[in-house]
C-alpha cells in the first residue's frame, strides 16, 4: 500500500478522469497531492515540465491529462488531437523516468484497438488492424504512450502501467455539443428538449452500434488499485465487460431525463466503430472489478449536470 504521505502528482486534475482520481485519493486520506492547472504548467512545454519535476520530485504520477473529444472534434481537429496529446504524454512520461518516479499510471482509451478487432477486445488486439478513421489521431497518440510505458518497463524495469478505460462518463464530463462524447451529449440534448416543450431530439447515425460505458469513479478506483498492487502486465483494459446499443442508451437517458418527445436518427451521419466491448478479464484476475451500474451512474450524472448547469463549459484540454 502507498504511504499516506506519498507525494502524488495528478496531471489533468480538473478534467473528468483526473478530478475523479483526486477525489478518490482525498477520500482515502492522501493529502500530499501535487496539482497544477494548465495556466500554471503547460504540459506541452518540455522544459517547463522538466523544471516542475525537478522542483517537486513526485513519488507517484497519474497521467490523466489529454486533449479529448468525440467524433466531431476528432474529425475537425486531427492535428491538435495527434500532436498535443503526443507532447503532453511524452513530456510527463519522460520526466517521470528521468526523475526516478517510483510508479506511474498512464491513462488512455479503448480507441487504441482496431476498428474491427474481435469482440470483446483483449489487450493482445493492439496493432493487429486498422483504426477507426474518425478518431485515429487520438488513438495513435495514445498507442505511442502505451509503447513508451512498455519500453520503460522492459529496458529500465520501471513500475509503470497503462490503463485503457472504455467510454467514460460522470461528474465533470464535457457537455459541449460540439466536442463531447455520445453519453453526455445525449444527456444535454434530452434535457434541453424537455425544457423546450419536449421537442424532438436529433441524434447521429442508426443507433445500432454497441458501446460499453464506465462511470469515472470506477476508473479512479482502478487507478488506486493499480498503484497499490504489483501489476504483472504493462497494459490493462478497464471496463464493465457489458455493452448496450446506442439506441437503447438513448431510450434509457430519455427515460431518466423525462423527455417525452420523438427521437430523430440522422442516418447520413457516421456511426463510428460497430462495436467496442472490452475484455476486462486481465484486470479482473488482478483483483479489480467495477461497482457502478449504468442506470445508477446516468441518474447520478444527470443530477450533477442539473446542479452544475451554470458552470458547465467546453472542456477541450483536461487540465
C-alpha atoms as a PDB file:
ATOM      1  CA  UNK A   1       0.000   0.000   0.000  1.00  0.00           C
ATOM      2  CA  UNK A   2       1.083   3.552  -0.697  1.00  0.00           C
ATOM      3  CA  UNK A   3       2.002   5.544   2.391  1.00  0.00           C
ATOM      4  CA  UNK A   4      -0.366   8.395   3.258  1.00  0.00           C
ATOM      5  CA  UNK A   5       2.431  10.929   2.877  1.00  0.00           C
ATOM      6  CA  UNK A   6       3.429   9.667  -0.592  1.00  0.00           C
ATOM      7  CA  UNK A   7       3.812  12.612  -2.963  1.00  0.00           C
ATOM      8  CA  UNK A   8       1.381  12.083  -5.844  1.00  0.00           C
ATOM      9  CA  UNK A   9       1.237  14.230  -8.974  1.00  0.00           C
ATOM     10  CA  UNK A  10      -2.101  14.044 -10.806  1.00  0.00           C
ATOM     11  CA  UNK A  11      -1.745  15.503 -14.297  1.00  0.00           C
ATOM     12  CA  UNK A  12      -5.117  16.702 -15.566  1.00  0.00           C
ATOM     13  CA  UNK A  13      -6.734  17.035 -12.140  1.00  0.00           C
ATOM     14  CA  UNK A  14      -9.532  19.329 -13.367  1.00  0.00           C
ATOM     15  CA  UNK A  15     -10.690  17.028 -16.149  1.00  0.00           C
ATOM     16  CA  UNK A  16     -13.276  14.305 -15.663  1.00  0.00           C
ATOM     17  CA  UNK A  17     -10.801  11.487 -15.018  1.00  0.00           C
ATOM     18  CA  UNK A  18      -8.225  13.496 -13.116  1.00  0.00           C
ATOM     19  CA  UNK A  19     -10.800  15.047 -10.809  1.00  0.00           C
ATOM     20  CA  UNK A  20     -12.202  11.595 -10.042  1.00  0.00           C
ATOM     21  CA  UNK A  21      -8.690  10.316  -9.229  1.00  0.00           C
ATOM     22  CA  UNK A  22      -8.149  13.359  -6.993  1.00  0.00           C
ATOM     23  CA  UNK A  23     -11.459  12.682  -5.172  1.00  0.00           C
ATOM     24  CA  UNK A  24     -10.508   9.041  -4.653  1.00  0.00           C
ATOM     25  CA  UNK A  25      -7.127   9.829  -3.112  1.00  0.00           C
ATOM     26  CA  UNK A  26      -8.648  12.510  -0.881  1.00  0.00           C
ATOM     27  CA  UNK A  27     -11.344  10.088   0.268  1.00  0.00           C
ATOM     28  CA  UNK A  28      -8.625   7.570   1.139  1.00  0.00           C
ATOM     29  CA  UNK A  29      -6.776  10.144   3.258  1.00  0.00           C
ATOM     30  CA  UNK A  30      -3.935  11.104   0.925  1.00  0.00           C
ATOM     31  CA  UNK A  31      -3.120  14.786   1.390  1.00  0.00           C
ATOM     32  CA  UNK A  32       0.271  15.167  -0.328  1.00  0.00           C
ATOM     33  CA  UNK A  33      -1.202  15.727  -3.781  1.00  0.00           C
ATOM     34  CA  UNK A  34       0.654  17.872  -6.325  1.00  0.00           C
ATOM     35  CA  UNK A  35      -1.711  19.713  -8.655  1.00  0.00           C
ATOM     36  CA  UNK A  36      -1.214  22.260 -11.427  1.00  0.00           C
ATOM     37  CA  UNK A  37      -3.713  23.888 -13.762  1.00  0.00           C
ATOM     38  CA  UNK A  38      -2.859  24.350 -17.434  1.00  0.00           C
ATOM     39  CA  UNK A  39      -2.223  28.051 -16.809  1.00  0.00           C
ATOM     40  CA  UNK A  40       0.265  27.144 -14.054  1.00  0.00           C
ATOM     41  CA  UNK A  41       2.013  24.402 -16.036  1.00  0.00           C
ATOM     42  CA  UNK A  42       1.761  23.949 -19.809  1.00  0.00           C
ATOM     43  CA  UNK A  43       2.257  20.211 -20.216  1.00  0.00           C
ATOM     44  CA  UNK A  44       3.079  20.749 -23.898  1.00  0.00           C
ATOM     45  CA  UNK A  45       6.232  22.628 -22.855  1.00  0.00           C
ATOM     46  CA  UNK A  46       9.045  20.130 -22.306  1.00  0.00           C
ATOM     47  CA  UNK A  47      11.312  22.498 -20.404  1.00  0.00           C
ATOM     48  CA  UNK A  48       8.515  23.618 -18.090  1.00  0.00           C
ATOM     49  CA  UNK A  49       7.570  20.011 -17.311  1.00  0.00           C
ATOM     50  CA  UNK A  50      11.185  19.053 -16.570  1.00  0.00           C
ATOM     51  CA  UNK A  51      11.614  22.040 -14.269  1.00  0.00           C
ATOM     52  CA  UNK A  52       8.396  21.140 -12.481  1.00  0.00           C
ATOM     53  CA  UNK A  53       9.578  17.557 -11.863  1.00  0.00           C
ATOM     54  CA  UNK A  54      12.988  18.785 -10.718  1.00  0.00           C
ATOM     55  CA  UNK A  55      11.356  21.077  -8.170  1.00  0.00           C
ATOM     56  CA  UNK A  56       8.506  18.854  -6.903  1.00  0.00           C
ATOM     57  CA  UNK A  57      10.104  15.390  -7.172  1.00  0.00           C
ATOM     58  CA  UNK A  58       6.845  13.402  -7.025  1.00  0.00           C
ATOM     59  CA  UNK A  59       6.938   9.738  -5.928  1.00  0.00           C
ATOM     60  CA  UNK A  60       3.876   8.761  -7.975  1.00  0.00           C
ATOM     61  CA  UNK A  61       2.470  10.128 -11.242  1.00  0.00           C
ATOM     62  CA  UNK A  62      -1.023   9.666 -12.665  1.00  0.00           C
ATOM     63  CA  UNK A  63      -1.210  10.920 -16.257  1.00  0.00           C
ATOM     64  CA  UNK A  64      -4.850  11.805 -16.836  1.00  0.00           C
ATOM     65  CA  UNK A  65      -4.089  14.868 -18.975  1.00  0.00           C
ATOM     66  CA  UNK A  66      -5.234  14.841 -22.583  1.00  0.00           C
ATOM     67  CA  UNK A  67      -7.000  16.720 -25.318  1.00  0.00           C
ATOM     68  CA  UNK A  68     -10.257  14.810 -25.642  1.00  0.00           C
ATOM     69  CA  UNK A  69     -13.477  14.894 -27.652  1.00  0.00           C
ATOM     70  CA  UNK A  70     -15.993  12.906 -29.657  1.00  0.00           C
ATOM     71  CA  UNK A  71     -16.231  12.003 -33.354  1.00  0.00           C
ATOM     72  CA  UNK A  72     -16.870  15.578 -34.492  1.00  0.00           C
ATOM     73  CA  UNK A  73     -13.983  17.108 -32.548  1.00  0.00           C
ATOM     74  CA  UNK A  74     -11.544  14.397 -33.640  1.00  0.00           C
ATOM     75  CA  UNK A  75     -12.551  14.794 -37.258  1.00  0.00           C
ATOM     76  CA  UNK A  76     -12.248  18.604 -37.265  1.00  0.00           C
ATOM     77  CA  UNK A  77      -9.009  18.917 -35.274  1.00  0.00           C
ATOM     78  CA  UNK A  78      -6.816  15.932 -36.294  1.00  0.00           C
ATOM     79  CA  UNK A  79      -3.528  17.814 -35.893  1.00  0.00           C
ATOM     80  CA  UNK A  80      -4.307  19.024 -32.363  1.00  0.00           C
ATOM     81  CA  UNK A  81      -5.533  15.612 -31.243  1.00  0.00           C
ATOM     82  CA  UNK A  82      -2.379  13.941 -32.510  1.00  0.00           C
ATOM     83  CA  UNK A  83       0.347  16.475 -31.769  1.00  0.00           C
ATOM     84  CA  UNK A  84      -0.841  17.949 -28.464  1.00  0.00           C
ATOM     85  CA  UNK A  85      -1.514  14.543 -26.923  1.00  0.00           C
ATOM     86  CA  UNK A  86       1.931  13.352 -28.012  1.00  0.00           C
ATOM     87  CA  UNK A  87       3.510  16.440 -26.469  1.00  0.00           C
ATOM     88  CA  UNK A  88       1.656  16.082 -23.164  1.00  0.00           C
ATOM     89  CA  UNK A  89       2.321  12.387 -22.574  1.00  0.00           C
ATOM     90  CA  UNK A  90       5.880  12.415 -23.921  1.00  0.00           C
ATOM     91  CA  UNK A  91       6.837  15.179 -21.528  1.00  0.00           C
ATOM     92  CA  UNK A  92       5.173  13.582 -18.496  1.00  0.00           C
ATOM     93  CA  UNK A  93       6.421  10.033 -19.090  1.00  0.00           C
ATOM     94  CA  UNK A  94       9.971  11.103 -19.992  1.00  0.00           C
ATOM     95  CA  UNK A  95      10.237  13.415 -16.984  1.00  0.00           C
ATOM     96  CA  UNK A  96       8.918  10.652 -14.717  1.00  0.00           C
ATOM     97  CA  UNK A  97      11.646   8.333 -15.976  1.00  0.00           C
ATOM     98  CA  UNK A  98      14.392  10.952 -15.779  1.00  0.00           C
ATOM     99  CA  UNK A  99      13.468  11.872 -12.203  1.00  0.00           C
ATOM    100  CA  UNK A 100      13.157   8.286 -10.940  1.00  0.00           C
ATOM    101  CA  UNK A 101       9.403   8.365 -10.276  1.00  0.00           C
ATOM    102  CA  UNK A 102       8.536   5.113  -8.473  1.00  0.00           C
ATOM    103  CA  UNK A 103       5.172   4.361 -10.066  1.00  0.00           C
ATOM    104  CA  UNK A 104       3.251   5.818 -12.992  1.00  0.00           C
ATOM    105  CA  UNK A 105      -0.204   5.165 -14.391  1.00  0.00           C
ATOM    106  CA  UNK A 106      -0.824   6.270 -17.979  1.00  0.00           C
ATOM    107  CA  UNK A 107      -4.488   6.586 -18.914  1.00  0.00           C
ATOM    108  CA  UNK A 108      -5.585   6.023 -22.487  1.00  0.00           C
ATOM    109  CA  UNK A 109      -8.709   4.873 -24.258  1.00  0.00           C
ATOM    110  CA  UNK A 110     -10.298   1.810 -25.828  1.00  0.00           C
ATOM    111  CA  UNK A 111      -9.999   3.565 -29.209  1.00  0.00           C
ATOM    112  CA  UNK A 112      -6.388   2.303 -29.401  1.00  0.00           C
ATOM    113  CA  UNK A 113      -7.731  -1.038 -30.652  1.00  0.00           C
ATOM    114  CA  UNK A 114      -8.502  -1.827 -34.318  1.00  0.00           C
ATOM    115  CA  UNK A 115     -11.912  -0.860 -35.667  1.00  0.00           C
ATOM    116  CA  UNK A 116     -12.783  -4.474 -36.442  1.00  0.00           C
ATOM    117  CA  UNK A 117     -10.995  -6.143 -33.538  1.00  0.00           C
ATOM    118  CA  UNK A 118     -12.504  -9.388 -32.284  1.00  0.00           C
ATOM    119  CA  UNK A 119     -15.068  -8.724 -29.563  1.00  0.00           C
ATOM    120  CA  UNK A 120     -14.583  -8.405 -26.680  1.00  0.00           C
ATOM    121  CA  UNK A 121     -11.280  -6.622 -27.353  1.00  0.00           C
ATOM    122  CA  UNK A 122      -8.298  -8.019 -25.473  1.00  0.00           C
ATOM    123  CA  UNK A 123      -5.006  -6.263 -24.813  1.00  0.00           C
ATOM    124  CA  UNK A 124      -3.425  -8.558 -27.417  1.00  0.00           C
ATOM    125  CA  UNK A 125      -5.529  -6.925 -30.165  1.00  0.00           C
ATOM    126  CA  UNK A 126      -3.330  -3.831 -30.108  1.00  0.00           C
ATOM    127  CA  UNK A 127      -1.786  -3.064 -33.534  1.00  0.00           C
ATOM    128  CA  UNK A 128      -3.431  -6.028 -35.261  1.00  0.00           C
ATOM    129  CA  UNK A 129      -5.527  -3.995 -37.715  1.00  0.00           C
ATOM    130  CA  UNK A 130      -6.621  -0.536 -38.991  1.00  0.00           C
ATOM    131  CA  UNK A 131      -8.013   2.000 -36.535  1.00  0.00           C
ATOM    132  CA  UNK A 132     -11.389   3.729 -36.650  1.00  0.00           C
ATOM    133  CA  UNK A 133     -10.688   6.644 -39.071  1.00  0.00           C
ATOM    134  CA  UNK A 134     -12.749   9.215 -37.151  1.00  0.00           C
ATOM    135  CA  UNK A 135     -10.579   9.074 -34.019  1.00  0.00           C
ATOM    136  CA  UNK A 136      -7.318   7.634 -35.325  1.00  0.00           C
ATOM    137  CA  UNK A 137      -5.374  10.793 -34.433  1.00  0.00           C
ATOM    138  CA  UNK A 138      -6.114  10.471 -30.733  1.00  0.00           C
ATOM    139  CA  UNK A 139      -5.679   6.703 -30.878  1.00  0.00           C
ATOM    140  CA  UNK A 140      -2.207   6.904 -32.452  1.00  0.00           C
ATOM    141  CA  UNK A 141      -1.057   9.305 -29.752  1.00  0.00           C
ATOM    142  CA  UNK A 142      -2.327   7.009 -27.008  1.00  0.00           C
ATOM    143  CA  UNK A 143      -0.747   3.951 -28.641  1.00  0.00           C
ATOM    144  CA  UNK A 144       2.582   5.798 -28.555  1.00  0.00           C
ATOM    145  CA  UNK A 145       2.065   6.387 -24.825  1.00  0.00           C
ATOM    146  CA  UNK A 146       1.336   2.709 -24.234  1.00  0.00           C
ATOM    147  CA  UNK A 147       4.525   1.748 -26.055  1.00  0.00           C
ATOM    148  CA  UNK A 148       6.560   4.283 -24.079  1.00  0.00           C
ATOM    149  CA  UNK A 149       5.388   2.674 -20.847  1.00  0.00           C
ATOM    150  CA  UNK A 150       6.115  -0.784 -22.250  1.00  0.00           C
ATOM    151  CA  UNK A 151       9.617   0.296 -23.357  1.00  0.00           C
ATOM    152  CA  UNK A 152      10.475   1.763 -19.942  1.00  0.00           C
ATOM    153  CA  UNK A 153       9.295  -1.394 -18.182  1.00  0.00           C
ATOM    154  CA  UNK A 154      11.376  -3.592 -20.486  1.00  0.00           C
ATOM    155  CA  UNK A 155      14.550  -1.533 -20.649  1.00  0.00           C
ATOM    156  CA  UNK A 156      14.645   0.066 -17.197  1.00  0.00           C
ATOM    157  CA  UNK A 157      12.322  -2.153 -15.143  1.00  0.00           C
ATOM    158  CA  UNK A 158      10.076   0.809 -14.349  1.00  0.00           C
ATOM    159  CA  UNK A 159       6.895   0.057 -12.397  1.00  0.00           C
ATOM    160  CA  UNK A 160       4.761   1.914 -14.928  1.00  0.00           C
ATOM    161  CA  UNK A 161       1.338   0.703 -16.130  1.00  0.00           C
ATOM    162  CA  UNK A 162      -1.095   1.753 -18.879  1.00  0.00           C
ATOM    163  CA  UNK A 163      -4.827   1.583 -18.161  1.00  0.00           C
ATOM    164  CA  UNK A 164      -7.205   1.712 -21.135  1.00  0.00           C
ATOM    165  CA  UNK A 165     -10.719   2.615 -19.976  1.00  0.00           C
ATOM    166  CA  UNK A 166     -13.790   2.073 -22.065  1.00  0.00           C
ATOM    167  CA  UNK A 167     -16.148   5.023 -22.732  1.00  0.00           C
ATOM    168  CA  UNK A 168     -16.275   7.078 -19.535  1.00  0.00           C
ATOM    169  CA  UNK A 169     -18.950   9.356 -18.104  1.00  0.00           C
ATOM    170  CA  UNK A 170     -19.725  11.098 -14.831  1.00  0.00           C
ATOM    171  CA  UNK A 171     -19.145  14.365 -12.928  1.00  0.00           C
ATOM    172  CA  UNK A 172     -17.044  16.982 -14.737  1.00  0.00           C
ATOM    173  CA  UNK A 173     -17.760  15.415 -18.122  1.00  0.00           C
ATOM    174  CA  UNK A 174     -17.731  17.619 -21.218  1.00  0.00           C
ATOM    175  CA  UNK A 175     -21.299  18.531 -22.153  1.00  0.00           C
ATOM    176  CA  UNK A 176     -20.397  20.853 -25.023  1.00  0.00           C
ATOM    177  CA  UNK A 177     -22.344  19.530 -28.019  1.00  0.00           C
ATOM    178  CA  UNK A 178     -19.535  20.277 -30.483  1.00  0.00           C
ATOM    179  CA  UNK A 179     -16.796  18.369 -28.650  1.00  0.00           C
ATOM    180  CA  UNK A 180     -18.500  15.928 -26.272  1.00  0.00           C
ATOM    181  CA  UNK A 181     -18.888  12.146 -26.390  1.00  0.00           C
ATOM    182  CA  UNK A 182     -22.177  10.394 -27.011  1.00  0.00           C
ATOM    183  CA  UNK A 183     -23.489   9.902 -23.452  1.00  0.00           C
ATOM    184  CA  UNK A 184     -23.039  13.445 -22.094  1.00  0.00           C
ATOM    185  CA  UNK A 185     -24.235  14.866 -25.427  1.00  0.00           C
ATOM    186  CA  UNK A 186     -27.434  12.829 -25.098  1.00  0.00           C
ATOM    187  CA  UNK A 187     -27.990  13.996 -21.520  1.00  0.00           C
ATOM    188  CA  UNK A 188     -27.762  17.615 -22.619  1.00  0.00           C
ATOM    189  CA  UNK A 189     -29.868  17.138 -25.752  1.00  0.00           C
ATOM    190  CA  UNK A 190     -32.685  15.352 -23.945  1.00  0.00           C
ATOM    191  CA  UNK A 191     -32.621  17.852 -21.083  1.00  0.00           C
ATOM    192  CA  UNK A 192     -32.805  20.872 -23.381  1.00  0.00           C
ATOM    193  CA  UNK A 193     -35.525  19.243 -25.486  1.00  0.00           C
ATOM    194  CA  UNK A 194     -37.517  18.528 -22.332  1.00  0.00           C
ATOM    195  CA  UNK A 195     -37.171  22.175 -21.313  1.00  0.00           C
ATOM    196  CA  UNK A 196     -38.286  23.146 -24.824  1.00  0.00           C
ATOM    197  CA  UNK A 197     -41.733  21.539 -24.528  1.00  0.00           C
ATOM    198  CA  UNK A 198     -40.406  18.030 -25.236  1.00  0.00           C
ATOM    199  CA  UNK A 199     -39.237  18.926 -28.731  1.00  0.00           C
ATOM    200  CA  UNK A 200     -37.726  16.191 -30.957  1.00  0.00           C
ATOM    201  CA  UNK A 201     -34.103  15.155 -30.293  1.00  0.00           C
ATOM    202  CA  UNK A 202     -31.797  14.731 -33.324  1.00  0.00           C
ATOM    203  CA  UNK A 203     -29.145  12.013 -32.927  1.00  0.00           C
ATOM    204  CA  UNK A 204     -26.387  10.836 -35.262  1.00  0.00           C
ATOM    205  CA  UNK A 205     -26.327   7.509 -37.084  1.00  0.00           C
ATOM    206  CA  UNK A 206     -28.589   4.491 -36.933  1.00  0.00           C
ATOM    207  CA  UNK A 207     -28.423   3.727 -33.221  1.00  0.00           C
ATOM    208  CA  UNK A 208     -27.145   0.220 -33.965  1.00  0.00           C
ATOM    209  CA  UNK A 209     -23.519   0.424 -32.728  1.00  0.00           C
ATOM    210  CA  UNK A 210     -22.765  -1.296 -29.429  1.00  0.00           C
ATOM    211  CA  UNK A 211     -20.988   0.686 -26.725  1.00  0.00           C
ATOM    212  CA  UNK A 212     -19.670  -0.005 -23.244  1.00  0.00           C
ATOM    213  CA  UNK A 213     -19.735   2.686 -20.562  1.00  0.00           C
ATOM    214  CA  UNK A 214     -17.893   3.011 -17.258  1.00  0.00           C
ATOM    215  CA  UNK A 215     -18.509   5.570 -14.525  1.00  0.00           C
ATOM    216  CA  UNK A 216     -15.447   7.720 -13.952  1.00  0.00           C
ATOM    217  CA  UNK A 217     -15.387   6.898 -10.237  1.00  0.00           C
ATOM    218  CA  UNK A 218     -14.803   3.269 -11.206  1.00  0.00           C
ATOM    219  CA  UNK A 219     -11.743   4.131 -13.290  1.00  0.00           C
ATOM    220  CA  UNK A 220     -10.455   6.208 -10.368  1.00  0.00           C
ATOM    221  CA  UNK A 221     -10.811   3.095  -8.218  1.00  0.00           C
ATOM    222  CA  UNK A 222      -8.868   1.159 -10.871  1.00  0.00           C
ATOM    223  CA  UNK A 223      -6.045   3.713 -10.733  1.00  0.00           C
ATOM    224  CA  UNK A 224      -5.937   3.474  -6.943  1.00  0.00           C
ATOM    225  CA  UNK A 225      -5.938  -0.333  -7.132  1.00  0.00           C
ATOM    226  CA  UNK A 226      -3.119  -0.347  -9.695  1.00  0.00           C
ATOM    227  CA  UNK A 227      -0.897   1.914  -7.626  1.00  0.00           C
ATOM    228  CA  UNK A 228      -1.414  -0.203  -4.513  1.00  0.00           C
ATOM    229  CA  UNK A 229      -0.672  -3.562  -6.109  1.00  0.00           C
ATOM    230  CA  UNK A 230       2.072  -5.302  -8.069  1.00  0.00           C
ATOM    231  CA  UNK A 231       0.796  -5.465 -11.639  1.00  0.00           C
ATOM    232  CA  UNK A 232       2.107  -8.272 -13.837  1.00  0.00           C
ATOM    233  CA  UNK A 233       1.480  -6.594 -17.200  1.00  0.00           C
ATOM    234  CA  UNK A 234       2.126  -3.176 -18.716  1.00  0.00           C
ATOM    235  CA  UNK A 235      -1.369  -2.839 -20.242  1.00  0.00           C
ATOM    236  CA  UNK A 236      -4.814  -3.414 -18.746  1.00  0.00           C
ATOM    237  CA  UNK A 237      -8.309  -2.814 -20.092  1.00  0.00           C
ATOM    238  CA  UNK A 238     -10.686  -1.154 -17.635  1.00  0.00           C
ATOM    239  CA  UNK A 239     -14.419  -1.546 -18.172  1.00  0.00           C
ATOM    240  CA  UNK A 240     -17.596  -3.374 -17.219  1.00  0.00           C
ATOM    241  CA  UNK A 241     -17.419  -6.122 -19.839  1.00  0.00           C
ATOM    242  CA  UNK A 242     -21.052  -5.281 -20.794  1.00  0.00           C
ATOM    243  CA  UNK A 243     -22.353  -3.183 -23.677  1.00  0.00           C
ATOM    244  CA  UNK A 244     -25.562  -1.580 -24.940  1.00  0.00           C
ATOM    245  CA  UNK A 245     -26.773  -0.299 -28.326  1.00  0.00           C
ATOM    246  CA  UNK A 246     -26.644   3.457 -28.828  1.00  0.00           C
ATOM    247  CA  UNK A 247     -30.403   3.333 -29.434  1.00  0.00           C
ATOM    248  CA  UNK A 248     -31.074   1.612 -26.105  1.00  0.00           C
ATOM    249  CA  UNK A 249     -28.739   4.073 -24.417  1.00  0.00           C
ATOM    250  CA  UNK A 250     -30.781   6.938 -25.900  1.00  0.00           C
ATOM    251  CA  UNK A 251     -34.014   5.387 -24.628  1.00  0.00           C
ATOM    252  CA  UNK A 252     -32.502   4.891 -21.166  1.00  0.00           C
ATOM    253  CA  UNK A 253     -31.320   8.501 -20.954  1.00  0.00           C
ATOM    254  CA  UNK A 254     -34.624   9.756 -22.372  1.00  0.00           C
ATOM    255  CA  UNK A 255     -36.452   7.903 -19.596  1.00  0.00           C
ATOM    256  CA  UNK A 256     -34.124   9.139 -16.832  1.00  0.00           C
ATOM    257  CA  UNK A 257     -34.353  12.755 -18.045  1.00  0.00           C
ATOM    258  CA  UNK A 258     -38.119  12.532 -18.505  1.00  0.00           C
ATOM    259  CA  UNK A 259     -38.214  13.636 -22.143  1.00  0.00           C
ATOM    260  CA  UNK A 260     -41.487  12.662 -23.854  1.00  0.00           C
ATOM    261  CA  UNK A 261     -40.818  13.767 -27.449  1.00  0.00           C
ATOM    262  CA  UNK A 262     -39.522  11.969 -30.537  1.00  0.00           C
ATOM    263  CA  UNK A 263     -36.003  10.854 -31.387  1.00  0.00           C
ATOM    264  CA  UNK A 264     -34.902  11.607 -34.959  1.00  0.00           C
ATOM    265  CA  UNK A 265     -31.962   9.486 -36.156  1.00  0.00           C
ATOM    266  CA  UNK A 266     -29.865  11.132 -38.887  1.00  0.00           C
ATOM    267  CA  UNK A 267     -28.594   8.118 -40.809  1.00  0.00           C
ATOM    268  CA  UNK A 268     -26.471  10.329 -43.076  1.00  0.00           C
ATOM    269  CA  UNK A 269     -24.098  10.808 -40.132  1.00  0.00           C
ATOM    270  CA  UNK A 270     -21.398   8.246 -39.222  1.00  0.00           C
ATOM    271  CA  UNK A 271     -21.927   5.534 -36.641  1.00  0.00           C
ATOM    272  CA  UNK A 272     -18.255   5.093 -35.829  1.00  0.00           C
ATOM    273  CA  UNK A 273     -16.953   1.685 -34.775  1.00  0.00           C
ATOM    274  CA  UNK A 274     -19.682  -1.015 -34.974  1.00  0.00           C
ATOM    275  CA  UNK A 275     -18.902  -2.432 -31.540  1.00  0.00           C
ATOM    276  CA  UNK A 276     -16.488  -1.612 -28.742  1.00  0.00           C
ATOM    277  CA  UNK A 277     -16.569  -4.067 -25.879  1.00  0.00           C
ATOM    278  CA  UNK A 278     -13.559  -4.548 -23.628  1.00  0.00           C
ATOM    279  CA  UNK A 279     -12.189  -7.878 -22.491  1.00  0.00           C
ATOM    280  CA  UNK A 280     -11.563  -6.995 -18.839  1.00  0.00           C
ATOM    281  CA  UNK A 281     -10.517 -10.467 -17.707  1.00  0.00           C
ATOM    282  CA  UNK A 282      -6.881  -9.429 -17.175  1.00  0.00           C
ATOM    283  CA  UNK A 283      -7.884  -6.652 -14.750  1.00  0.00           C
ATOM    284  CA  UNK A 284     -10.475  -8.879 -13.090  1.00  0.00           C
ATOM    285  CA  UNK A 285      -7.863 -11.578 -12.489  1.00  0.00           C
ATOM    286  CA  UNK A 286      -5.612  -8.957 -10.908  1.00  0.00           C
ATOM    287  CA  UNK A 287      -8.426  -8.304  -8.401  1.00  0.00           C
ATOM    288  CA  UNK A 288     -10.363  -5.270  -9.686  1.00  0.00           C
ATOM    289  CA  UNK A 289     -13.984  -5.078 -10.866  1.00  0.00           C
ATOM    290  CA  UNK A 290     -16.396  -2.194 -11.481  1.00  0.00           C
ATOM    291  CA  UNK A 291     -19.064  -1.142  -8.959  1.00  0.00           C
ATOM    292  CA  UNK A 292     -21.470   1.346 -10.553  1.00  0.00           C
ATOM    293  CA  UNK A 293     -24.250   0.050 -12.833  1.00  0.00           C
ATOM    294  CA  UNK A 294     -25.088   2.115 -15.923  1.00  0.00           C
ATOM    295  CA  UNK A 295     -28.598   3.214 -14.925  1.00  0.00           C
ATOM    296  CA  UNK A 296     -27.470   4.321 -11.468  1.00  0.00           C
ATOM    297  CA  UNK A 297     -24.462   6.115 -12.920  1.00  0.00           C
ATOM    298  CA  UNK A 298     -26.524   8.005 -15.500  1.00  0.00           C
ATOM    299  CA  UNK A 299     -29.047   9.069 -12.849  1.00  0.00           C
ATOM    300  CA  UNK A 300     -26.248  10.453 -10.672  1.00  0.00           C
ATOM    301  CA  UNK A 301     -24.605  12.151 -13.648  1.00  0.00           C
ATOM    302  CA  UNK A 302     -27.861  13.801 -14.703  1.00  0.00           C
ATOM    303  CA  UNK A 303     -28.323  15.156 -11.181  1.00  0.00           C
ATOM    304  CA  UNK A 304     -24.764  16.530 -11.285  1.00  0.00           C
ATOM    305  CA  UNK A 305     -25.496  18.068 -14.703  1.00  0.00           C
ATOM    306  CA  UNK A 306     -28.587  19.883 -13.404  1.00  0.00           C
ATOM    307  CA  UNK A 307     -26.772  21.112 -10.292  1.00  0.00           C
ATOM    308  CA  UNK A 308     -23.896  22.499 -12.367  1.00  0.00           C
ATOM    309  CA  UNK A 309     -25.753  23.892 -15.385  1.00  0.00           C
ATOM    310  CA  UNK A 310     -24.495  27.418 -14.794  1.00  0.00           C
ATOM    311  CA  UNK A 311     -20.873  26.299 -14.628  1.00  0.00           C
ATOM    312  CA  UNK A 312     -20.798  23.704 -17.416  1.00  0.00           C
ATOM    313  CA  UNK A 313     -18.500  24.842 -20.150  1.00  0.00           C
ATOM    314  CA  UNK A 314     -16.490  23.399 -23.015  1.00  0.00           C
ATOM    315  CA  UNK A 315     -13.502  21.367 -21.827  1.00  0.00           C
ATOM    316  CA  UNK A 316     -11.065  20.929 -24.720  1.00  0.00           C
ATOM    317  CA  UNK A 317      -7.992  20.061 -22.679  1.00  0.00           C
ATOM    318  CA  UNK A 318      -8.226  18.224 -19.373  1.00  0.00           C
ATOM    319  CA  UNK A 319      -6.049  20.259 -17.068  1.00  0.00           C
END
